[in-house]
Amino acid sequence: FIEHLENKNPALVKTIQTGIKKKTIILVGTTYHCSLASLYSPGLFKE
């Protein structure tokens, strides 16, 4: 999602960046592909 956001909507990226700086948006980590890698491959999950 971030890839597409960066390429197609830079204004929204700026809005999120501003929210993160103002602490109105908390960004949470996840897996890159929103995958079920944790169930199948610890190596892929870490990657």
ModelCIF file with pLDDT and N, C-alpha, C, O atoms, coordinates in Angstrom:
data_MODEL
#
_entry.id   MODEL 
#
_entity.id                         1 
_entity.type                       polymer 
_entity.pdbx_number_of_molecules   1 
#
_entity_poly.entity_id                      1 
_entity_poly.type                           'polypeptide(L)' 
_entity_poly.nstd_linkage                   no 
_entity_poly.nstd_monomer                   no 
_entity_poly.pdbx_seq_one_letter_code       FIEHLENKNPALVKTIQTGIKKKTIILVGTTYHCSLASLYSPGLFKE 
_entity_poly.pdbx_seq_one_letter_code_can   FIEHLENKNPALVKTIQTGIKKKTIILVGTTYHCSLASLYSPGLFKE 
_entity_poly.pdbx_strand_id                 A 
#
loop_
_entity_poly_seq.entity_id 
_entity_poly_seq.num 
_entity_poly_seq.mon_id 
_entity_poly_seq.hetero 
1 1  PHE n 
1 2  ILE n 
1 3  GLU n 
1 4  HIS n 
1 5  LEU n 
1 6  GLU n 
1 7  ASN n 
1 8  LYS n 
1 9  ASN n 
1 10 PRO n 
1 11 ALA n 
1 12 LEU n 
1 13 VAL n 
1 14 LYS n 
1 15 THR n 
1 16 ILE n 
1 17 GLN n 
1 18 THR n 
1 19 GLY n 
1 20 ILE n 
1 21 LYS n 
1 22 LYS n 
1 23 LYS n 
1 24 THR n 
1 25 ILE n 
1 26 ILE n 
1 27 LEU n 
1 28 VAL n 
1 29 GLY n 
1 30 THR n 
1 31 THR n 
1 32 TYR n 
1 33 HIS n 
1 34 CYS n 
1 35 SER n 
1 36 LEU n 
1 37 ALA n 
1 38 SER n 
1 39 LEU n 
1 40 TYR n 
1 41 SER n 
1 42 PRO n 
1 43 GLY n 
1 44 LEU n 
1 45 PHE n 
1 46 LYS n 
1 47 GLU n 
#
_struct_asym.id          A 
_struct_asym.entity_id   1 
#
loop_
_ma_qa_metric.id 
_ma_qa_metric.mode 
_ma_qa_metric.name 
_ma_qa_metric.software_group_id 
_ma_qa_metric.type 
1 global pLDDT . pLDDT 
2 local  pLDDT . pLDDT 
#
_ma_qa_metric_global.metric_id      1 
_ma_qa_metric_global.metric_value   94.15 
_ma_qa_metric_global.model_id       1 
_ma_qa_metric_global.ordinal_id     1 
#
loop_
_ma_qa_metric_local.label_asym_id 
_ma_qa_metric_local.label_comp_id 
_ma_qa_metric_local.label_seq_id 
_ma_qa_metric_local.metric_id 
_ma_qa_metric_local.metric_value 
_ma_qa_metric_local.model_id 
_ma_qa_metric_local.ordinal_id 
A PHE 1  2 94.00 1 1  
A ILE 2  2 96.00 1 2  
A GLU 3  2 93.00 1 3  
A HIS 4  2 93.00 1 4  
A LEU 5  2 95.00 1 5  
A GLU 6  2 95.00 1 6  
A ASN 7  2 93.00 1 7  
A LYS 8  2 93.00 1 8  
A ASN 9  2 95.00 1 9  
A PRO 10 2 95.00 1 10 
A ALA 11 2 96.00 1 11 
A LEU 12 2 96.00 1 12 
A VAL 13 2 96.00 1 13 
A LYS 14 2 97.00 1 14 
A THR 15 2 96.00 1 15 
A ILE 16 2 96.00 1 16 
A GLN 17 2 97.00 1 17 
A THR 18 2 96.00 1 18 
A GLY 19 2 96.00 1 19 
A ILE 20 2 96.00 1 20 
A LYS 21 2 96.00 1 21 
A LYS 22 2 95.00 1 22 
A LYS 23 2 94.00 1 23 
A THR 24 2 95.00 1 24 
A ILE 25 2 96.00 1 25 
A ILE 26 2 95.00 1 26 
A LEU 27 2 96.00 1 27 
A VAL 28 2 95.00 1 28 
A GLY 29 2 96.00 1 29 
A THR 30 2 95.00 1 30 
A THR 31 2 94.00 1 31 
A TYR 32 2 93.00 1 32 
A HIS 33 2 92.00 1 33 
A CYS 34 2 88.00 1 34 
A SER 35 2 88.00 1 35 
A LEU 36 2 89.00 1 36 
A ALA 37 2 90.00 1 37 
A SER 38 2 91.00 1 38 
A LEU 39 2 91.00 1 39 
A TYR 40 2 91.00 1 40 
A SER 41 2 94.00 1 41 
A PRO 42 2 92.00 1 42 
A GLY 43 2 94.00 1 43 
A LEU 44 2 95.00 1 44 
A PHE 45 2 95.00 1 45 
A LYS 46 2 95.00 1 46 
A GLU 47 2 96.00 1 47 
#
loop_
_atom_site.group_PDB 
_atom_site.id 
_atom_site.type_symbol 
_atom_site.label_atom_id 
_atom_site.label_alt_id 
_atom_site.label_comp_id 
_atom_site.label_asym_id 
_atom_site.label_entity_id 
_atom_site.label_seq_id 
_atom_site.pdbx_PDB_ins_code 
_atom_site.Cartn_x 
_atom_site.Cartn_y 
_atom_site.Cartn_z 
_atom_site.occupancy 
_atom_site.B_iso_or_equiv 
_atom_site.pdbx_formal_charge 
_atom_site.auth_seq_id 
_atom_site.auth_comp_id 
_atom_site.auth_asym_id 
_atom_site.auth_atom_id 
_atom_site.pdbx_PDB_model_num 
ATOM 1   N N  . PHE A 1 1  ? 0.834  -1.201  0.000  1.00 94.00 ? 1  PHE A N  1 
ATOM 2   C CA . PHE A 1 1  ? 0.000  0.000   0.000  1.00 94.00 ? 1  PHE A CA 1 
ATOM 3   C C  . PHE A 1 1  ? 0.874  1.260   0.000  1.00 94.00 ? 1  PHE A C  1 
ATOM 4   O O  . PHE A 1 1  ? 0.588  2.221   -0.714 1.00 94.00 ? 1  PHE A O  1 
ATOM 5   N N  . ILE A 1 2  ? 1.936  1.244   0.803  1.00 96.00 ? 2  ILE A N  1 
ATOM 6   C CA . ILE A 1 2  ? 2.838  2.409   0.869  1.00 96.00 ? 2  ILE A CA 1 
ATOM 7   C C  . ILE A 1 2  ? 3.484  2.662   -0.492 1.00 96.00 ? 2  ILE A C  1 
ATOM 8   O O  . ILE A 1 2  ? 3.613  3.813   -0.910 1.00 96.00 ? 2  ILE A O  1 
ATOM 9   N N  . GLU A 1 3  ? 3.891  1.593   -1.190 1.00 93.00 ? 3  GLU A N  1 
ATOM 10  C CA . GLU A 1 3  ? 4.464  1.737   -2.538 1.00 93.00 ? 3  GLU A CA 1 
ATOM 11  C C  . GLU A 1 3  ? 3.517  2.502   -3.456 1.00 93.00 ? 3  GLU A C  1 
ATOM 12  O O  . GLU A 1 3  ? 3.920  3.458   -4.119 1.00 93.00 ? 3  GLU A O  1 
ATOM 13  N N  . HIS A 1 4  ? 2.263  2.076   -3.491 1.00 93.00 ? 4  HIS A N  1 
ATOM 14  C CA . HIS A 1 4  ? 1.277  2.723   -4.365 1.00 93.00 ? 4  HIS A CA 1 
ATOM 15  C C  . HIS A 1 4  ? 0.982  4.142   -3.905 1.00 93.00 ? 4  HIS A C  1 
ATOM 16  O O  . HIS A 1 4  ? 0.807  5.044   -4.723 1.00 93.00 ? 4  HIS A O  1 
ATOM 17  N N  . LEU A 1 5  ? 0.928  4.333   -2.608 1.00 95.00 ? 5  LEU A N  1 
ATOM 18  C CA . LEU A 1 5  ? 0.688  5.660   -2.054 1.00 95.00 ? 5  LEU A CA 1 
ATOM 19  C C  . LEU A 1 5  ? 1.809  6.613   -2.477 1.00 95.00 ? 5  LEU A C  1 
ATOM 20  O O  . LEU A 1 5  ? 1.547  7.736   -2.909 1.00 95.00 ? 5  LEU A O  1 
ATOM 21  N N  . GLU A 1 6  ? 3.037  6.164   -2.352 1.00 95.00 ? 6  GLU A N  1 
ATOM 22  C CA . GLU A 1 6  ? 4.196  6.985   -2.707 1.00 95.00 ? 6  GLU A CA 1 
ATOM 23  C C  . GLU A 1 6  ? 4.191  7.351   -4.202 1.00 95.00 ? 6  GLU A C  1 
ATOM 24  O O  . GLU A 1 6  ? 4.504  8.483   -4.568 1.00 95.00 ? 6  GLU A O  1 
ATOM 25  N N  . ASN A 1 7  ? 3.840  6.394   -5.046 1.00 93.00 ? 7  ASN A N  1 
ATOM 26  C CA . ASN A 1 7  ? 3.867  6.619   -6.493 1.00 93.00 ? 7  ASN A CA 1 
ATOM 27  C C  . ASN A 1 7  ? 2.665  7.382   -7.025 1.00 93.00 ? 7  ASN A C  1 
ATOM 28  O O  . ASN A 1 7  ? 2.788  8.124   -8.000 1.00 93.00 ? 7  ASN A O  1 
ATOM 29  N N  . LYS A 1 8  ? 1.509  7.213   -6.403 1.00 93.00 ? 8  LYS A N  1 
ATOM 30  C CA . LYS A 1 8  ? 0.278  7.756   -6.986 1.00 93.00 ? 8  LYS A CA 1 
ATOM 31  C C  . LYS A 1 8  ? -0.344 8.921   -6.217 1.00 93.00 ? 8  LYS A C  1 
ATOM 32  O O  . LYS A 1 8  ? -1.172 9.648   -6.765 1.00 93.00 ? 8  LYS A O  1 
ATOM 33  N N  . ASN A 1 9  ? 0.050  9.109   -4.939 1.00 95.00 ? 9  ASN A N  1 
ATOM 34  C CA . ASN A 1 9  ? -0.586 10.164  -4.161 1.00 95.00 ? 9  ASN A CA 1 
ATOM 35  C C  . ASN A 1 9  ? 0.406  10.796  -3.171 1.00 95.00 ? 9  ASN A C  1 
ATOM 36  O O  . ASN A 1 9  ? 0.256  10.646  -1.959 1.00 95.00 ? 9  ASN A O  1 
ATOM 37  N N  . PRO A 1 10 ? 1.422  11.506  -3.695 1.00 95.00 ? 10 PRO A N  1 
ATOM 38  C CA . PRO A 1 10 ? 2.414  12.123  -2.812 1.00 95.00 ? 10 PRO A CA 1 
ATOM 39  C C  . PRO A 1 10 ? 1.824  13.132  -1.821 1.00 95.00 ? 10 PRO A C  1 
ATOM 40  O O  . PRO A 1 10 ? 2.372  13.329  -0.737 1.00 95.00 ? 10 PRO A O  1 
ATOM 41  N N  . ALA A 1 11 ? 0.715  13.765  -2.188 1.00 96.00 ? 11 ALA A N  1 
ATOM 42  C CA . ALA A 1 11 ? 0.084  14.725  -1.270 1.00 96.00 ? 11 ALA A CA 1 
ATOM 43  C C  . ALA A 1 11 ? -0.413 14.013  -0.009 1.00 96.00 ? 11 ALA A C  1 
ATOM 44  O O  . ALA A 1 11 ? -0.298 14.545  1.094  1.00 96.00 ? 11 ALA A O  1 
ATOM 45  N N  . LEU A 1 12 ? -0.961 12.818  -0.176 1.00 96.00 ? 12 LEU A N  1 
ATOM 46  C CA . LEU A 1 12 ? -1.435 12.044  0.980  1.00 96.00 ? 12 LEU A CA 1 
ATOM 47  C C  . LEU A 1 12 ? -0.251 11.567  1.818  1.00 96.00 ? 12 LEU A C  1 
ATOM 48  O O  . LEU A 1 12 ? -0.352 11.496  3.043  1.00 96.00 ? 12 LEU A O  1 
ATOM 49  N N  . VAL A 1 13 ? 0.856  11.245  1.180  1.00 96.00 ? 13 VAL A N  1 
ATOM 50  C CA . VAL A 1 13 ? 2.081  10.892  1.924  1.00 96.00 ? 13 VAL A CA 1 
ATOM 51  C C  . VAL A 1 13 ? 2.478  12.062  2.817  1.00 96.00 ? 13 VAL A C  1 
ATOM 52  O O  . VAL A 1 13 ? 2.798  11.870  3.990  1.00 96.00 ? 13 VAL A O  1 
ATOM 53  N N  . LYS A 1 14 ? 2.459  13.270  2.264  1.00 97.00 ? 14 LYS A N  1 
ATOM 54  C CA . LYS A 1 14 ? 2.807  14.479  3.047  1.00 97.00 ? 14 LYS A CA 1 
ATOM 55  C C  . LYS A 1 14 ? 1.848  14.657  4.226  1.00 97.00 ? 14 LYS A C  1 
ATOM 56  O O  . LYS A 1 14 ? 2.270  15.018  5.325  1.00 97.00 ? 14 LYS A O  1 
ATOM 57  N N  . THR A 1 15 ? 0.556  14.401  3.993  1.00 96.00 ? 15 THR A N  1 
ATOM 58  C CA . THR A 1 15 ? -0.434 14.517  5.062  1.00 96.00 ? 15 THR A CA 1 
ATOM 59  C C  . THR A 1 15 ? -0.107 13.540  6.192  1.00 96.00 ? 15 THR A C  1 
ATOM 60  O O  . THR A 1 15 ? -0.174 13.902  7.367  1.00 96.00 ? 15 THR A O  1 
ATOM 61  N N  . ILE A 1 16 ? 0.244  12.312  5.838  1.00 96.00 ? 16 ILE A N  1 
ATOM 62  C CA . ILE A 1 16 ? 0.590  11.307  6.847  1.00 96.00 ? 16 ILE A CA 1 
ATOM 63  C C  . ILE A 1 16 ? 1.882  11.700  7.563  1.00 96.00 ? 16 ILE A C  1 
ATOM 64  O O  . ILE A 1 16 ? 1.976  11.570  8.783  1.00 96.00 ? 16 ILE A O  1 
ATOM 65  N N  . GLN A 1 17 ? 2.874  12.179  6.817  1.00 97.00 ? 17 GLN A N  1 
ATOM 66  C CA . GLN A 1 17 ? 4.131  12.619  7.428  1.00 97.00 ? 17 GLN A CA 1 
ATOM 67  C C  . GLN A 1 17 ? 3.882  13.718  8.458  1.00 97.00 ? 17 GLN A C  1 
ATOM 68  O O  . GLN A 1 17 ? 4.455  13.703  9.548  1.00 97.00 ? 17 GLN A O  1 
ATOM 69  N N  . THR A 1 18 ? 3.030  14.661  8.104  1.00 96.00 ? 18 THR A N  1 
ATOM 70  C CA . THR A 1 18 ? 2.686  15.751  9.024  1.00 96.00 ? 18 THR A CA 1 
ATOM 71  C C  . THR A 1 18 ? 1.995  15.196  10.271 1.00 96.00 ? 18 THR A C  1 
ATOM 72  O O  . THR A 1 18 ? 2.311  15.601  11.390 1.00 96.00 ? 18 THR A O  1 
ATOM 73  N N  . GLY A 1 19 ? 1.055  14.275  10.079 1.00 96.00 ? 19 GLY A N  1 
ATOM 74  C CA . GLY A 1 19 ? 0.364  13.660  11.213 1.00 96.00 ? 19 GLY A CA 1 
ATOM 75  C C  . GLY A 1 19 ? 1.311  12.906  12.126 1.00 96.00 ? 19 GLY A C  1 
ATOM 76  O O  . GLY A 1 19 ? 1.152  12.934  13.347 1.00 96.00 ? 19 GLY A O  1 
ATOM 77  N N  . ILE A 1 20 ? 2.293  12.235  11.550 1.00 96.00 ? 20 ILE A N  1 
ATOM 78  C CA . ILE A 1 20 ? 3.280  11.506  12.364 1.00 96.00 ? 20 ILE A CA 1 
ATOM 79  C C  . ILE A 1 20 ? 4.105  12.497  13.181 1.00 96.00 ? 20 ILE A C  1 
ATOM 80  O O  . ILE A 1 20 ? 4.348  12.278  14.368 1.00 96.00 ? 20 ILE A O  1 
ATOM 81  N N  . LYS A 1 21 ? 4.531  13.579  12.549 1.00 96.00 ? 21 LYS A N  1 
ATOM 82  C CA . LYS A 1 21 ? 5.322  14.591  13.257 1.00 96.00 ? 21 LYS A CA 1 
ATOM 83  C C  . LYS A 1 21 ? 4.524  15.248  14.376 1.00 96.00 ? 21 LYS A C  1 
ATOM 84  O O  . LYS A 1 21 ? 5.061  15.522  15.449 1.00 96.00 ? 21 LYS A O  1 
ATOM 85  N N  . LYS A 1 22 ? 3.232  15.502  14.124 1.00 95.00 ? 22 LYS A N  1 
ATOM 86  C CA . LYS A 1 22 ? 2.366  16.135  15.131 1.00 95.00 ? 22 LYS A CA 1 
ATOM 87  C C  . LYS A 1 22 ? 1.869  15.135  16.182 1.00 95.00 ? 22 LYS A C  1 
ATOM 88  O O  . LYS A 1 22 ? 1.234  15.514  17.166 1.00 95.00 ? 22 LYS A O  1 
ATOM 89  N N  . LYS A 1 23 ? 2.170  13.852  15.954 1.00 94.00 ? 23 LYS A N  1 
ATOM 90  C CA . LYS A 1 23 ? 1.751  12.761  16.845 1.00 94.00 ? 23 LYS A CA 1 
ATOM 91  C C  . LYS A 1 23 ? 0.231  12.563  16.860 1.00 94.00 ? 23 LYS A C  1 
ATOM 92  O O  . LYS A 1 23 ? -0.336 12.081  17.841 1.00 94.00 ? 23 LYS A O  1 
ATOM 93  N N  . THR A 1 24 ? -0.413 12.944  15.757 1.00 95.00 ? 24 THR A N  1 
ATOM 94  C CA . THR A 1 24 ? -1.847 12.654  15.613 1.00 95.00 ? 24 THR A CA 1 
ATOM 95  C C  . THR A 1 24 ? -2.041 11.332  14.879 1.00 95.00 ? 24 THR A C  1 
ATOM 96  O O  . THR A 1 24 ? -3.124 10.748  14.907 1.00 95.00 ? 24 THR A O  1 
ATOM 97  N N  . ILE A 1 25 ? -0.973 10.865  14.217 1.00 96.00 ? 25 ILE A N  1 
ATOM 98  C CA . ILE A 1 25 ? -0.985 9.563   13.549 1.00 96.00 ? 25 ILE A CA 1 
ATOM 99  C C  . ILE A 1 25 ? 0.138  8.718   14.120 1.00 96.00 ? 25 ILE A C  1 
ATOM 100 O O  . ILE A 1 25 ? 1.296  9.132   14.153 1.00 96.00 ? 25 ILE A O  1 
ATOM 101 N N  . ILE A 1 26 ? -0.220 7.544   14.561 1.00 95.00 ? 26 ILE A N  1 
ATOM 102 C CA . ILE A 1 26 ? 0.762  6.566   15.028 1.00 95.00 ? 26 ILE A CA 1 
ATOM 103 C C  . ILE A 1 26 ? 0.825  5.492   13.951 1.00 95.00 ? 26 ILE A C  1 
ATOM 104 O O  . ILE A 1 26 ? -0.179 4.852   13.638 1.00 95.00 ? 26 ILE A O  1 
ATOM 105 N N  . LEU A 1 27 ? 2.008  5.302   13.390 1.00 96.00 ? 27 LEU A N  1 
ATOM 106 C CA . LEU A 1 27 ? 2.198  4.284   12.357 1.00 96.00 ? 27 LEU A CA 1 
ATOM 107 C C  . LEU A 1 27 ? 2.686  3.005   13.031 1.00 96.00 ? 27 LEU A C  1 
ATOM 108 O O  . LEU A 1 27 ? 3.624  3.025   13.829 1.00 96.00 ? 27 LEU A O  1 
ATOM 109 N N  . VAL A 1 28 ? 2.042  1.907   12.701 1.00 95.00 ? 28 VAL A N  1 
ATOM 110 C CA . VAL A 1 28 ? 2.356  0.614   13.312 1.00 95.00 ? 28 VAL A CA 1 
ATOM 111 C C  . VAL A 1 28 ? 3.009  -0.285  12.264 1.00 95.00 ? 28 VAL A C  1 
ATOM 112 O O  . VAL A 1 28 ? 2.600  -0.292  11.103 1.00 95.00 ? 28 VAL A O  1 
ATOM 113 N N  . GLY A 1 29 ? 4.019  -1.037  12.676 1.00 96.00 ? 29 GLY A N  1 
ATOM 114 C CA . GLY A 1 29 ? 4.707  -1.955  11.782 1.00 96.00 ? 29 GLY A CA 1 
ATOM 115 C C  . GLY A 1 29 ? 3.871  -3.189  11.491 1.00 96.00 ? 29 GLY A C  1 
ATOM 116 O O  . GLY A 1 29 ? 3.010  -3.572  12.282 1.00 96.00 ? 29 GLY A O  1 
ATOM 117 N N  . THR A 1 30 ? 4.133  -3.801  10.355 1.00 95.00 ? 30 THR A N  1 
ATOM 118 C CA . THR A 1 30 ? 3.447  -5.025  9.954  1.00 95.00 ? 30 THR A CA 1 
ATOM 119 C C  . THR A 1 30 ? 4.339  -5.761  8.967  1.00 95.00 ? 30 THR A C  1 
ATOM 120 O O  . THR A 1 30 ? 5.494  -5.374  8.785  1.00 95.00 ? 30 THR A O  1 
ATOM 121 N N  . THR A 1 31 ? 3.843  -6.804  8.329  1.00 94.00 ? 31 THR A N  1 
ATOM 122 C CA . THR A 1 31 ? 4.606  -7.458  7.278  1.00 94.00 ? 31 THR A CA 1 
ATOM 123 C C  . THR A 1 31 ? 4.400  -6.685  5.977  1.00 94.00 ? 31 THR A C  1 
ATOM 124 O O  . THR A 1 31 ? 3.357  -6.063  5.777  1.00 94.00 ? 31 THR A O  1 
ATOM 125 N N  . TYR A 1 32 ? 5.390  -6.727  5.103  1.00 93.00 ? 32 TYR A N  1 
ATOM 126 C CA . TYR A 1 32 ? 5.357  -5.947  3.868  1.00 93.00 ? 32 TYR A CA 1 
ATOM 127 C C  . TYR A 1 32 ? 4.149  -6.290  3.006  1.00 93.00 ? 32 TYR A C  1 
ATOM 128 O O  . TYR A 1 32 ? 3.482  -5.399  2.479  1.00 93.00 ? 32 TYR A O  1 
ATOM 129 N N  . HIS A 1 33 ? 3.871  -7.579  2.863  1.00 92.00 ? 33 HIS A N  1 
ATOM 130 C CA . HIS A 1 33 ? 2.813  -8.028  1.965  1.00 92.00 ? 33 HIS A CA 1 
ATOM 131 C C  . HIS A 1 33 ? 1.524  -8.396  2.690  1.00 92.00 ? 33 HIS A C  1 
ATOM 132 O O  . HIS A 1 33 ? 0.617  -8.970  2.088  1.00 92.00 ? 33 HIS A O  1 
ATOM 133 N N  . CYS A 1 34 ? 1.437  -8.073  3.973  1.00 88.00 ? 34 CYS A N  1 
ATOM 134 C CA . CYS A 1 34 ? 0.252  -8.427  4.745  1.00 88.00 ? 34 CYS A CA 1 
ATOM 135 C C  . CYS A 1 34 ? 0.009  -9.942  4.629  1.00 88.00 ? 34 CYS A C  1 
ATOM 136 O O  . CYS A 1 34 ? -1.118 -10.397 4.438  1.00 88.00 ? 34 CYS A O  1 
ATOM 137 N N  . SER A 1 35 ? 1.093  -10.694 4.750  1.00 88.00 ? 35 SER A N  1 
ATOM 138 C CA . SER A 1 35 ? 1.047  -12.129 4.488  1.00 88.00 ? 35 SER A CA 1 
ATOM 139 C C  . SER A 1 35 ? 0.893  -12.950 5.770  1.00 88.00 ? 35 SER A C  1 
ATOM 140 O O  . SER A 1 35 ? 0.935  -12.424 6.882  1.00 88.00 ? 35 SER A O  1 
ATOM 141 N N  . LEU A 1 36 ? 0.719  -14.224 5.577  1.00 89.00 ? 36 LEU A N  1 
ATOM 142 C CA . LEU A 1 36 ? 0.627  -15.176 6.687  1.00 89.00 ? 36 LEU A CA 1 
ATOM 143 C C  . LEU A 1 36 ? 1.974  -15.871 6.908  1.00 89.00 ? 36 LEU A C  1 
ATOM 144 O O  . LEU A 1 36 ? 2.019  -17.004 7.386  1.00 89.00 ? 36 LEU A O  1 
ATOM 145 N N  . ALA A 1 37 ? 3.064  -15.190 6.560  1.00 90.00 ? 37 ALA A N  1 
ATOM 146 C CA . ALA A 1 37 ? 4.401  -15.779 6.650  1.00 90.00 ? 37 ALA A CA 1 
ATOM 147 C C  . ALA A 1 37 ? 4.731  -16.273 8.051  1.00 90.00 ? 37 ALA A C  1 
ATOM 148 O O  . ALA A 1 37 ? 5.483  -17.236 8.198  1.00 90.00 ? 37 ALA A O  1 
ATOM 149 N N  . SER A 1 38 ? 4.188  -15.640 9.080  1.00 91.00 ? 38 SER A N  1 
ATOM 150 C CA . SER A 1 38 ? 4.501  -16.071 10.454 1.00 91.00 ? 38 SER A CA 1 
ATOM 151 C C  . SER A 1 38 ? 4.056  -17.504 10.713 1.00 91.00 ? 38 SER A C  1 
ATOM 152 O O  . SER A 1 38 ? 4.595  -18.165 11.600 1.00 91.00 ? 38 SER A O  1 
ATOM 153 N N  . LEU A 1 39 ? 3.089  -17.988 9.957  1.00 91.00 ? 39 LEU A N  1 
ATOM 154 C CA . LEU A 1 39 ? 2.603  -19.357 10.135 1.00 91.00 ? 39 LEU A CA 1 
ATOM 155 C C  . LEU A 1 39 ? 3.479  -20.388 9.420  1.00 91.00 ? 39 LEU A C  1 
ATOM 156 O O  . LEU A 1 39 ? 3.471  -21.564 9.784  1.00 91.00 ? 39 LEU A O  1 
ATOM 157 N N  . TYR A 1 40 ? 4.229  -19.959 8.409  1.00 91.00 ? 40 TYR A N  1 
ATOM 158 C CA . TYR A 1 40 ? 4.907  -20.911 7.537  1.00 91.00 ? 40 TYR A CA 1 
ATOM 159 C C  . TYR A 1 40 ? 6.426  -20.803 7.496  1.00 91.00 ? 40 TYR A C  1 
ATOM 160 O O  . TYR A 1 40 ? 7.112  -21.819 7.380  1.00 91.00 ? 40 TYR A O  1 
ATOM 161 N N  . SER A 1 41 ? 6.954  -19.604 7.589  1.00 94.00 ? 41 SER A N  1 
ATOM 162 C CA . SER A 1 41 ? 8.388  -19.431 7.388  1.00 94.00 ? 41 SER A CA 1 
ATOM 163 C C  . SER A 1 41 ? 8.930  -18.305 8.265  1.00 94.00 ? 41 SER A C  1 
ATOM 164 O O  . SER A 1 41 ? 8.733  -17.131 7.952  1.00 94.00 ? 41 SER A O  1 
ATOM 165 N N  . PRO A 1 42 ? 9.611  -18.651 9.360  1.00 92.00 ? 42 PRO A N  1 
ATOM 166 C CA . PRO A 1 42 ? 10.201 -17.598 10.196 1.00 92.00 ? 42 PRO A CA 1 
ATOM 167 C C  . PRO A 1 42 ? 11.154 -16.696 9.411  1.00 92.00 ? 42 PRO A C  1 
ATOM 168 O O  . PRO A 1 42 ? 11.212 -15.492 9.661  1.00 92.00 ? 42 PRO A O  1 
ATOM 169 N N  . GLY A 1 43 ? 11.897 -17.267 8.468  1.00 94.00 ? 43 GLY A N  1 
ATOM 170 C CA . GLY A 1 43 ? 12.831 -16.472 7.673  1.00 94.00 ? 43 GLY A CA 1 
ATOM 171 C C  . GLY A 1 43 ? 12.123 -15.449 6.804  1.00 94.00 ? 43 GLY A C  1 
ATOM 172 O O  . GLY A 1 43 ? 12.519 -14.285 6.759  1.00 94.00 ? 43 GLY A O  1 
ATOM 173 N N  . LEU A 1 44 ? 11.079 -15.881 6.115  1.00 95.00 ? 44 LEU A N  1 
ATOM 174 C CA . LEU A 1 44 ? 10.299 -14.971 5.272  1.00 95.00 ? 44 LEU A CA 1 
ATOM 175 C C  . LEU A 1 44 ? 9.594  -13.921 6.129  1.00 95.00 ? 44 LEU A C  1 
ATOM 176 O O  . LEU A 1 44 ? 9.515  -12.754 5.748  1.00 95.00 ? 44 LEU A O  1 
ATOM 177 N N  . PHE A 1 45 ? 9.088  -14.336 7.278  1.00 95.00 ? 45 PHE A N  1 
ATOM 178 C CA . PHE A 1 45 ? 8.425  -13.410 8.198  1.00 95.00 ? 45 PHE A CA 1 
ATOM 179 C C  . PHE A 1 45 ? 9.390  -12.292 8.608  1.00 95.00 ? 45 PHE A C  1 
ATOM 180 O O  . PHE A 1 45 ? 9.037  -11.114 8.548  1.00 95.00 ? 45 PHE A O  1 
ATOM 181 N N  . LYS A 1 46 ? 10.600 -12.660 9.022  1.00 95.00 ? 46 LYS A N  1 
ATOM 182 C CA . LYS A 1 46 ? 11.599 -11.666 9.414  1.00 95.00 ? 46 LYS A CA 1 
ATOM 183 C C  . LYS A 1 46 ? 11.955 -10.754 8.235  1.00 95.00 ? 46 LYS A C  1 
ATOM 184 O O  . LYS A 1 46 ? 12.082 -9.541  8.405  1.00 95.00 ? 46 LYS A O  1 
ATOM 185 N N  . GLU A 1 47 ? 12.115 -11.331 7.052  1.00 96.00 ? 47 GLU A N  1 
ATOM 186 C CA . GLU A 1 47 ? 12.452 -10.548 5.866  1.00 96.00 ? 47 GLU A CA 1 
ATOM 187 C C  . GLU A 1 47 ? 11.361 -9.527  5.549  1.00 96.00 ? 47 GLU A C  1 
ATOM 188 O O  . GLU A 1 47 ? 11.479 -8.778  4.579  1.00 96.00 ? 47 GLU A O  1 
#
